[in-house]
Amino acid sequence: IIIFVIMSDVTINVFADNGSYIVMDIDSGRILYEENSKVTRPIASLTKIITCITAIENLNINSIVEIESQWTGIEGSSIYLKEGEQLTIEELLYGLMLRSGNDAATAICGYANNVGKDFIALMNKTARKIGAFDSSFENPHGLDSVKHFSTAYDLALISGYCMKNDIFSKIVSTKKIEVGKSEDKRIFVNKNKLLTLYPYAKGIKTGYTKKSGRCLASAAEKNEMSLVCIVLNHGATYETTEKLFEKC
């Protein structure tokens, strides 16, 4: 069954109760458009938004991380970390947000735990601080887990909070960057096509697993407004996001 949600000249296909979206004004917190925005669901790599801000707020981004074997070969998207190579937290954050590296997420979490910080607990504490009370994070990358979920509303709150952080906003708006040294040098090209497709876009993150469906968290600055849009479990994430932003 397909339900058509019509707002003026914008038509968005939401597949029964399997999709959610929300557009929020960052400064005021005002919800401009929404559908199923408080339904809890798997969020795939949109998890990395909270991973990134938790790392920025609790770790020195210039710290050097020596990669351990258990942080490599993680299922799903990867920046192909190798045991023994060294990257800074900041470089890992670029791999996390531009290339959605599950190994980068694991390395950040592992490093934090090694220096005495319970990173997953910090992720959940950060979410509560922001006001995301219908979210639960069990890992740093977003691979499916029963106790790992959020809502479009919570993710809008989290994304809006994150975009006020200069380091975060710089990372997620970067289209291409070179990191590492000599034989470990890498070039990261941002997977988020909205940065190219939509002139007002400022980030943030794509996501996909079979359970979550296609997801997209986006930020835009338009008509003197700073906006975030979250689309969860919806096939046309880029097109829908652009249409919603254009209504603002």
C-alpha atoms as a PDB file:
ATOM      1  CA  ILE A   1       0.000   0.000   0.000  1.00  0.00           C
ATOM      2  CA  ILE A   2       1.367   3.422  -0.922  1.00  0.00           C
ATOM      3  CA  ILE A   3       0.158   6.511   0.860  1.00  0.00           C
ATOM      4  CA  PHE A   4       0.652   9.803  -0.944  1.00  0.00           C
ATOM      5  CA  VAL A   5       1.322  12.703   1.389  1.00  0.00           C
ATOM      6  CA  ILE A   6       0.572  15.922  -0.505  1.00  0.00           C
ATOM      7  CA  MET A   7       1.804  19.329   0.637  1.00  0.00           C
ATOM      8  CA  SER A   8       0.946  21.929  -1.994  1.00  0.00           C
ATOM      9  CA  ASP A   9       2.931  20.922  -5.088  1.00  0.00           C
ATOM     10  CA  VAL A  10       5.141  18.453  -3.185  1.00  0.00           C
ATOM     11  CA  THR A  11       4.165  14.791  -3.353  1.00  0.00           C
ATOM     12  CA  ILE A  12       6.094  12.323  -1.218  1.00  0.00           C
ATOM     13  CA  ASN A  13       5.598   8.584  -1.332  1.00  0.00           C
ATOM     14  CA  VAL A  14       5.643   7.086   2.141  1.00  0.00           C
ATOM     15  CA  PHE A  15       5.296   3.322   2.080  1.00  0.00           C
ATOM     16  CA  ALA A  16       2.613   2.589   4.676  1.00  0.00           C
ATOM     17  CA  ASP A  17       4.203   3.095   8.119  1.00  0.00           C
ATOM     18  CA  ASN A  18       7.678   2.138   6.867  1.00  0.00           C
ATOM     19  CA  GLY A  19       8.996   5.622   6.144  1.00  0.00           C
ATOM     20  CA  SER A  20       9.608   8.792   8.138  1.00  0.00           C
ATOM     21  CA  TYR A  21      10.695  12.315   7.373  1.00  0.00           C
ATOM     22  CA  ILE A  22      11.036  15.633   9.129  1.00  0.00           C
ATOM     23  CA  VAL A  23      12.269  19.121   8.292  1.00  0.00           C
ATOM     24  CA  MET A  24      13.298  21.276  11.235  1.00  0.00           C
ATOM     25  CA  ASP A  25      14.532  24.837  11.582  1.00  0.00           C
ATOM     26  CA  ILE A  26      17.779  24.525  13.550  1.00  0.00           C
ATOM     27  CA  ASP A  27      17.621  27.845  15.367  1.00  0.00           C
ATOM     28  CA  SER A  28      14.021  27.711  16.561  1.00  0.00           C
ATOM     29  CA  GLY A  29      13.469  23.950  16.650  1.00  0.00           C
ATOM     30  CA  ARG A  30      10.249  24.502  14.689  1.00  0.00           C
ATOM     31  CA  ILE A  31       9.030  21.510  12.692  1.00  0.00           C
ATOM     32  CA  LEU A  32       8.147  22.577   9.146  1.00  0.00           C
ATOM     33  CA  TYR A  33       7.111  19.208   7.714  1.00  0.00           C
ATOM     34  CA  GLU A  34       6.927  15.732   9.169  1.00  0.00           C
ATOM     35  CA  GLU A  35       5.456  12.272   8.786  1.00  0.00           C
ATOM     36  CA  ASN A  36       5.938   9.408  11.258  1.00  0.00           C
ATOM     37  CA  SER A  37       8.744  11.450  12.782  1.00  0.00           C
ATOM     38  CA  LYS A  38       8.545   9.836  16.223  1.00  0.00           C
ATOM     39  CA  VAL A  39       8.404   6.225  15.075  1.00  0.00           C
ATOM     40  CA  THR A  40      11.462   4.312  16.306  1.00  0.00           C
ATOM     41  CA  ARG A  41      13.318   2.423  13.604  1.00  0.00           C
ATOM     42  CA  PRO A  42      16.811   1.249  12.581  1.00  0.00           C
ATOM     43  CA  ILE A  43      18.917   4.139  11.254  1.00  0.00           C
ATOM     44  CA  ALA A  44      21.973   2.466   9.695  1.00  0.00           C
ATOM     45  CA  SER A  45      24.932   4.813   9.228  1.00  0.00           C
ATOM     46  CA  LEU A  46      23.057   7.901  10.389  1.00  0.00           C
ATOM     47  CA  THR A  47      24.368   6.549  13.701  1.00  0.00           C
ATOM     48  CA  LYS A  48      27.722   8.031  12.705  1.00  0.00           C
ATOM     49  CA  ILE A  49      26.341  11.527  13.282  1.00  0.00           C
ATOM     50  CA  ILE A  50      26.250  10.891  17.042  1.00  0.00           C
ATOM     51  CA  THR A  51      29.534   8.967  16.810  1.00  0.00           C
ATOM     52  CA  CYS A  52      31.213  11.970  15.211  1.00  0.00           C
ATOM     53  CA  ILE A  53      29.994  14.609  17.665  1.00  0.00           C
ATOM     54  CA  THR A  54      30.736  12.335  20.628  1.00  0.00           C
ATOM     55  CA  ALA A  55      34.328  11.967  19.416  1.00  0.00           C
ATOM     56  CA  ILE A  56      34.699  15.709  18.785  1.00  0.00           C
ATOM     57  CA  GLU A  57      33.424  16.595  22.248  1.00  0.00           C
ATOM     58  CA  ASN A  58      35.273  13.912  24.207  1.00  0.00           C
ATOM     59  CA  LEU A  59      38.542  13.226  22.375  1.00  0.00           C
ATOM     60  CA  ASN A  60      41.450  15.310  21.122  1.00  0.00           C
ATOM     61  CA  ILE A  61      40.976  15.188  17.366  1.00  0.00           C
ATOM     62  CA  ASN A  62      44.730  15.598  16.883  1.00  0.00           C
ATOM     63  CA  SER A  63      45.472  12.415  18.846  1.00  0.00           C
ATOM     64  CA  ILE A  64      47.252   9.737  16.821  1.00  0.00           C
ATOM     65  CA  VAL A  65      45.543   6.352  16.691  1.00  0.00           C
ATOM     66  CA  GLU A  66      47.550   3.226  15.918  1.00  0.00           C
ATOM     67  CA  ILE A  67      45.174   0.796  14.287  1.00  0.00           C
ATOM     68  CA  GLU A  68      44.652  -2.524  16.042  1.00  0.00           C
ATOM     69  CA  SER A  69      43.803  -5.742  14.212  1.00  0.00           C
ATOM     70  CA  GLN A  70      40.317  -6.060  15.753  1.00  0.00           C
ATOM     71  CA  TRP A  71      39.365  -2.704  14.261  1.00  0.00           C
ATOM     72  CA  THR A  72      39.953  -3.878  10.683  1.00  0.00           C
ATOM     73  CA  GLY A  73      37.811  -5.936   8.324  1.00  0.00           C
ATOM     74  CA  ILE A  74      34.517  -4.719   9.790  1.00  0.00           C
ATOM     75  CA  GLU A  75      31.361  -5.683   7.875  1.00  0.00           C
ATOM     76  CA  GLY A  76      29.960  -3.134   5.433  1.00  0.00           C
ATOM     77  CA  SER A  77      31.408   0.185   4.263  1.00  0.00           C
ATOM     78  CA  SER A  78      35.118   0.515   4.898  1.00  0.00           C
ATOM     79  CA  ILE A  79      38.125   2.796   4.510  1.00  0.00           C
ATOM     80  CA  TYR A  80      40.291  -0.374   4.585  1.00  0.00           C
ATOM     81  CA  LEU A  81      42.306   0.318   7.702  1.00  0.00           C
ATOM     82  CA  LYS A  82      45.406  -1.789   8.206  1.00  0.00           C
ATOM     83  CA  GLU A  83      46.862  -3.011  11.457  1.00  0.00           C
ATOM     84  CA  GLY A  84      49.703  -0.799  12.653  1.00  0.00           C
ATOM     85  CA  GLU A  85      49.004   2.242  10.477  1.00  0.00           C
ATOM     86  CA  GLN A  86      48.532   5.570  12.192  1.00  0.00           C
ATOM     87  CA  LEU A  87      45.865   8.201  11.634  1.00  0.00           C
ATOM     88  CA  THR A  88      44.599  11.078  13.727  1.00  0.00           C
ATOM     89  CA  ILE A  89      41.097  11.089  15.185  1.00  0.00           C
ATOM     90  CA  GLU A  90      40.287  13.892  12.749  1.00  0.00           C
ATOM     91  CA  GLU A  91      41.369  11.788   9.759  1.00  0.00           C
ATOM     92  CA  LEU A  92      39.266   8.910  11.039  1.00  0.00           C
ATOM     93  CA  LEU A  93      36.303  11.284  11.349  1.00  0.00           C
ATOM     94  CA  TYR A  94      36.629  12.201   7.677  1.00  0.00           C
ATOM     95  CA  GLY A  95      36.661   8.490   6.831  1.00  0.00           C
ATOM     96  CA  LEU A  96      33.658   8.031   9.100  1.00  0.00           C
ATOM     97  CA  MET A  97      31.500  10.784   7.612  1.00  0.00           C
ATOM     98  CA  LEU A  98      32.620  10.970   3.962  1.00  0.00           C
ATOM     99  CA  ARG A  99      33.096   7.258   3.250  1.00  0.00           C
ATOM    100  CA  SER A 100      30.933   5.830   6.058  1.00  0.00           C
ATOM    101  CA  GLY A 101      33.786   3.631   7.250  1.00  0.00           C
ATOM    102  CA  ASN A 102      32.553   1.080   9.762  1.00  0.00           C
ATOM    103  CA  ASP A 103      36.194   0.340  10.514  1.00  0.00           C
ATOM    104  CA  ALA A 104      36.782   4.044  11.195  1.00  0.00           C
ATOM    105  CA  ALA A 105      33.849   4.028  13.629  1.00  0.00           C
ATOM    106  CA  THR A 106      35.210   0.923  15.333  1.00  0.00           C
ATOM    107  CA  ALA A 107      38.697   2.429  15.595  1.00  0.00           C
ATOM    108  CA  ILE A 108      37.384   5.651  17.151  1.00  0.00           C
ATOM    109  CA  CYS A 109      35.327   3.678  19.652  1.00  0.00           C
ATOM    110  CA  GLY A 110      38.208   1.304  20.385  1.00  0.00           C
ATOM    111  CA  TYR A 111      40.686   4.120  20.909  1.00  0.00           C
ATOM    112  CA  ALA A 112      38.302   5.907  23.281  1.00  0.00           C
ATOM    113  CA  ASN A 113      37.812   2.738  25.298  1.00  0.00           C
ATOM    114  CA  ASN A 114      41.590   2.259  25.458  1.00  0.00           C
ATOM    115  CA  VAL A 115      42.056   5.700  27.016  1.00  0.00           C
ATOM    116  CA  GLY A 116      39.432   5.021  29.667  1.00  0.00           C
ATOM    117  CA  LYS A 117      36.240   6.347  28.087  1.00  0.00           C
ATOM    118  CA  ASP A 118      33.148   4.164  27.612  1.00  0.00           C
ATOM    119  CA  PHE A 119      32.380   5.446  24.140  1.00  0.00           C
ATOM    120  CA  ILE A 120      28.960   3.825  23.668  1.00  0.00           C
ATOM    121  CA  ALA A 121      27.847   5.196  27.047  1.00  0.00           C
ATOM    122  CA  LEU A 122      29.086   8.619  25.958  1.00  0.00           C
ATOM    123  CA  MET A 123      27.091   8.374  22.705  1.00  0.00           C
ATOM    124  CA  ASN A 124      23.906   7.707  24.653  1.00  0.00           C
ATOM    125  CA  LYS A 125      24.724  10.403  27.208  1.00  0.00           C
ATOM    126  CA  THR A 126      25.277  12.892  24.375  1.00  0.00           C
ATOM    127  CA  ALA A 127      21.920  11.984  22.816  1.00  0.00           C
ATOM    128  CA  ARG A 128      20.146  12.541  26.142  1.00  0.00           C
ATOM    129  CA  LYS A 129      21.904  15.883  26.593  1.00  0.00           C
ATOM    130  CA  ILE A 130      20.567  16.988  23.210  1.00  0.00           C
ATOM    131  CA  GLY A 131      17.042  15.820  24.052  1.00  0.00           C
ATOM    132  CA  ALA A 132      16.943  12.662  21.928  1.00  0.00           C
ATOM    133  CA  PHE A 133      15.077  10.489  24.435  1.00  0.00           C
ATOM    134  CA  ASP A 134      13.687   7.917  21.962  1.00  0.00           C
ATOM    135  CA  SER A 135      17.109   6.781  20.766  1.00  0.00           C
ATOM    136  CA  SER A 136      19.344   3.915  21.846  1.00  0.00           C
ATOM    137  CA  PHE A 137      22.856   3.330  20.531  1.00  0.00           C
ATOM    138  CA  GLU A 138      24.610  -0.010  20.928  1.00  0.00           C
ATOM    139  CA  ASN A 139      27.458   0.410  18.440  1.00  0.00           C
ATOM    140  CA  PRO A 140      29.325   3.284  16.710  1.00  0.00           C
ATOM    141  CA  HIS A 141      28.554   2.365  13.088  1.00  0.00           C
ATOM    142  CA  GLY A 142      24.852   1.528  12.823  1.00  0.00           C
ATOM    143  CA  LEU A 143      24.910  -2.111  11.788  1.00  0.00           C
ATOM    144  CA  ASP A 144      21.551  -3.620  12.708  1.00  0.00           C
ATOM    145  CA  SER A 145      20.976  -4.475  16.359  1.00  0.00           C
ATOM    146  CA  VAL A 146      17.747  -4.886  18.330  1.00  0.00           C
ATOM    147  CA  LYS A 147      18.719  -2.253  20.895  1.00  0.00           C
ATOM    148  CA  HIS A 148      19.990   0.226  18.312  1.00  0.00           C
ATOM    149  CA  PHE A 149      17.395   2.684  17.002  1.00  0.00           C
ATOM    150  CA  SER A 150      16.249   6.284  16.778  1.00  0.00           C
ATOM    151  CA  THR A 151      13.525   8.447  15.256  1.00  0.00           C
ATOM    152  CA  ALA A 152      13.507  11.099  12.564  1.00  0.00           C
ATOM    153  CA  TYR A 153      12.655  13.664  15.241  1.00  0.00           C
ATOM    154  CA  ASP A 154      15.575  12.673  17.473  1.00  0.00           C
ATOM    155  CA  LEU A 155      17.956  12.654  14.525  1.00  0.00           C
ATOM    156  CA  ALA A 156      16.813  16.149  13.554  1.00  0.00           C
ATOM    157  CA  LEU A 157      17.577  17.363  17.079  1.00  0.00           C
ATOM    158  CA  ILE A 158      20.969  15.654  17.006  1.00  0.00           C
ATOM    159  CA  SER A 159      21.813  16.903  13.516  1.00  0.00           C
ATOM    160  CA  GLY A 160      20.810  20.473  14.338  1.00  0.00           C
ATOM    161  CA  TYR A 161      22.983  20.391  17.451  1.00  0.00           C
ATOM    162  CA  CYS A 162      25.912  18.961  15.488  1.00  0.00           C
ATOM    163  CA  MET A 163      25.723  21.540  12.705  1.00  0.00           C
ATOM    164  CA  LYS A 164      26.384  24.268  15.275  1.00  0.00           C
ATOM    165  CA  ASN A 165      29.796  22.696  15.888  1.00  0.00           C
ATOM    166  CA  ASP A 166      32.395  24.162  13.513  1.00  0.00           C
ATOM    167  CA  ILE A 167      34.493  20.995  13.299  1.00  0.00           C
ATOM    168  CA  PHE A 168      31.474  18.798  12.579  1.00  0.00           C
ATOM    169  CA  SER A 169      29.996  21.142   9.967  1.00  0.00           C
ATOM    170  CA  LYS A 170      33.363  21.449   8.216  1.00  0.00           C
ATOM    171  CA  ILE A 171      33.750  17.675   7.988  1.00  0.00           C
ATOM    172  CA  VAL A 172      30.270  16.878   6.683  1.00  0.00           C
ATOM    173  CA  SER A 173      30.336  19.664   4.076  1.00  0.00           C
ATOM    174  CA  THR A 174      33.686  18.520   2.639  1.00  0.00           C
ATOM    175  CA  LYS A 175      33.349  16.986  -0.812  1.00  0.00           C
ATOM    176  CA  LYS A 176      36.878  15.589  -1.114  1.00  0.00           C
ATOM    177  CA  ILE A 177      39.964  15.353   1.091  1.00  0.00           C
ATOM    178  CA  GLU A 178      43.349  13.621   1.187  1.00  0.00           C
ATOM    179  CA  VAL A 179      44.479  12.070   4.470  1.00  0.00           C
ATOM    180  CA  GLY A 180      47.368   9.934   5.679  1.00  0.00           C
ATOM    181  CA  LYS A 181      50.995   9.777   4.671  1.00  0.00           C
ATOM    182  CA  SER A 182      53.114   8.005   2.023  1.00  0.00           C
ATOM    183  CA  GLU A 183      51.832   4.482   1.299  1.00  0.00           C
ATOM    184  CA  ASP A 184      48.899   4.963   3.698  1.00  0.00           C
ATOM    185  CA  LYS A 185      47.642   8.062   1.895  1.00  0.00           C
ATOM    186  CA  ARG A 186      43.938   8.019   1.037  1.00  0.00           C
ATOM    187  CA  ILE A 187      41.567  10.256  -0.871  1.00  0.00           C
ATOM    188  CA  PHE A 188      38.050  10.396   0.535  1.00  0.00           C
ATOM    189  CA  VAL A 189      35.236  11.520  -1.781  1.00  0.00           C
ATOM    190  CA  ASN A 190      31.979  12.239   0.008  1.00  0.00           C
ATOM    191  CA  LYS A 191      29.229   9.699  -0.706  1.00  0.00           C
ATOM    192  CA  ASN A 192      26.552  12.317  -0.059  1.00  0.00           C
ATOM    193  CA  LYS A 193      25.412  13.266  -3.567  1.00  0.00           C
ATOM    194  CA  LEU A 194      23.170  16.036  -2.240  1.00  0.00           C
ATOM    195  CA  LEU A 195      26.272  18.208  -1.797  1.00  0.00           C
ATOM    196  CA  THR A 196      26.569  18.216  -5.595  1.00  0.00           C
ATOM    197  CA  LEU A 197      22.890  18.000  -6.524  1.00  0.00           C
ATOM    198  CA  TYR A 198      21.558  20.793  -4.311  1.00  0.00           C
ATOM    199  CA  PRO A 199      23.328  24.176  -4.126  1.00  0.00           C
ATOM    200  CA  TYR A 200      22.178  24.990  -0.568  1.00  0.00           C
ATOM    201  CA  ALA A 201      23.285  21.649   0.926  1.00  0.00           C
ATOM    202  CA  LYS A 202      25.819  21.607   3.791  1.00  0.00           C
ATOM    203  CA  GLY A 203      25.928  17.857   4.625  1.00  0.00           C
ATOM    204  CA  ILE A 204      25.284  15.481   6.469  1.00  0.00           C
ATOM    205  CA  LYS A 205      25.176  11.657   6.104  1.00  0.00           C
ATOM    206  CA  THR A 206      23.796   8.788   4.062  1.00  0.00           C
ATOM    207  CA  GLY A 207      22.805   5.385   5.427  1.00  0.00           C
ATOM    208  CA  TYR A 208      21.541   1.992   4.320  1.00  0.00           C
ATOM    209  CA  THR A 209      20.979  -1.520   5.584  1.00  0.00           C
ATOM    210  CA  LYS A 210      18.310  -3.993   4.470  1.00  0.00           C
ATOM    211  CA  LYS A 211      16.370  -3.380   7.693  1.00  0.00           C
ATOM    212  CA  SER A 212      16.683   0.409   7.748  1.00  0.00           C
ATOM    213  CA  GLY A 213      16.154   1.025   4.052  1.00  0.00           C
ATOM    214  CA  ARG A 214      17.699   4.106   2.470  1.00  0.00           C
ATOM    215  CA  CYS A 215      18.233   6.975   4.896  1.00  0.00           C
ATOM    216  CA  LEU A 216      19.554  10.499   4.566  1.00  0.00           C
ATOM    217  CA  ALA A 217      20.287  13.252   7.054  1.00  0.00           C
ATOM    218  CA  SER A 218      20.777  16.629   5.380  1.00  0.00           C
ATOM    219  CA  ALA A 219      21.488  20.224   6.273  1.00  0.00           C
ATOM    220  CA  ALA A 220      20.893  23.298   4.145  1.00  0.00           C
ATOM    221  CA  GLU A 221      21.099  27.064   4.448  1.00  0.00           C
ATOM    222  CA  LYS A 222      18.350  28.759   2.471  1.00  0.00           C
ATOM    223  CA  ASN A 223      16.323  31.967   2.734  1.00  0.00           C
ATOM    224  CA  GLU A 224      18.270  32.973   5.853  1.00  0.00           C
ATOM    225  CA  MET A 225      17.289  29.715   7.546  1.00  0.00           C
ATOM    226  CA  SER A 226      19.447  26.836   8.740  1.00  0.00           C
ATOM    227  CA  LEU A 227      17.544  23.613   8.150  1.00  0.00           C
ATOM    228  CA  VAL A 228      17.917  19.909   8.768  1.00  0.00           C
ATOM    229  CA  CYS A 229      15.970  17.179   7.008  1.00  0.00           C
ATOM    230  CA  ILE A 230      15.840  13.516   7.978  1.00  0.00           C
ATOM    231  CA  VAL A 231      14.418  10.895   5.605  1.00  0.00           C
ATOM    232  CA  LEU A 232      14.278   7.291   6.828  1.00  0.00           C
ATOM    233  CA  ASN A 233      13.409   4.134   4.896  1.00  0.00           C
ATOM    234  CA  HIS A 234      12.514   5.885   1.667  1.00  0.00           C
ATOM    235  CA  GLY A 235      13.793   5.009  -1.787  1.00  0.00           C
ATOM    236  CA  ALA A 236      14.121   8.514  -3.231  1.00  0.00           C
ATOM    237  CA  THR A 237      16.028  10.161  -0.384  1.00  0.00           C
ATOM    238  CA  TYR A 238      17.794  12.818  -2.449  1.00  0.00           C
ATOM    239  CA  GLU A 239      14.765  13.820  -4.491  1.00  0.00           C
ATOM    240  CA  THR A 240      12.477  13.931  -1.466  1.00  0.00           C
ATOM    241  CA  THR A 241      14.957  15.952   0.579  1.00  0.00           C
ATOM    242  CA  GLU A 242      15.430  18.508  -2.187  1.00  0.00           C
ATOM    243  CA  LYS A 243      11.653  18.899  -2.621  1.00  0.00           C
ATOM    244  CA  LEU A 244      11.183  19.407   1.106  1.00  0.00           C
ATOM    245  CA  PHE A 245      13.959  21.998   1.296  1.00  0.00           C
ATOM    246  CA  GLU A 246      12.513  23.823  -1.697  1.00  0.00           C
ATOM    247  CA  LYS A 247       9.217  24.269   0.209  1.00  0.00           C
ATOM    248  CA  CYS A 248      11.038  26.226   2.923  1.00  0.00           C
END
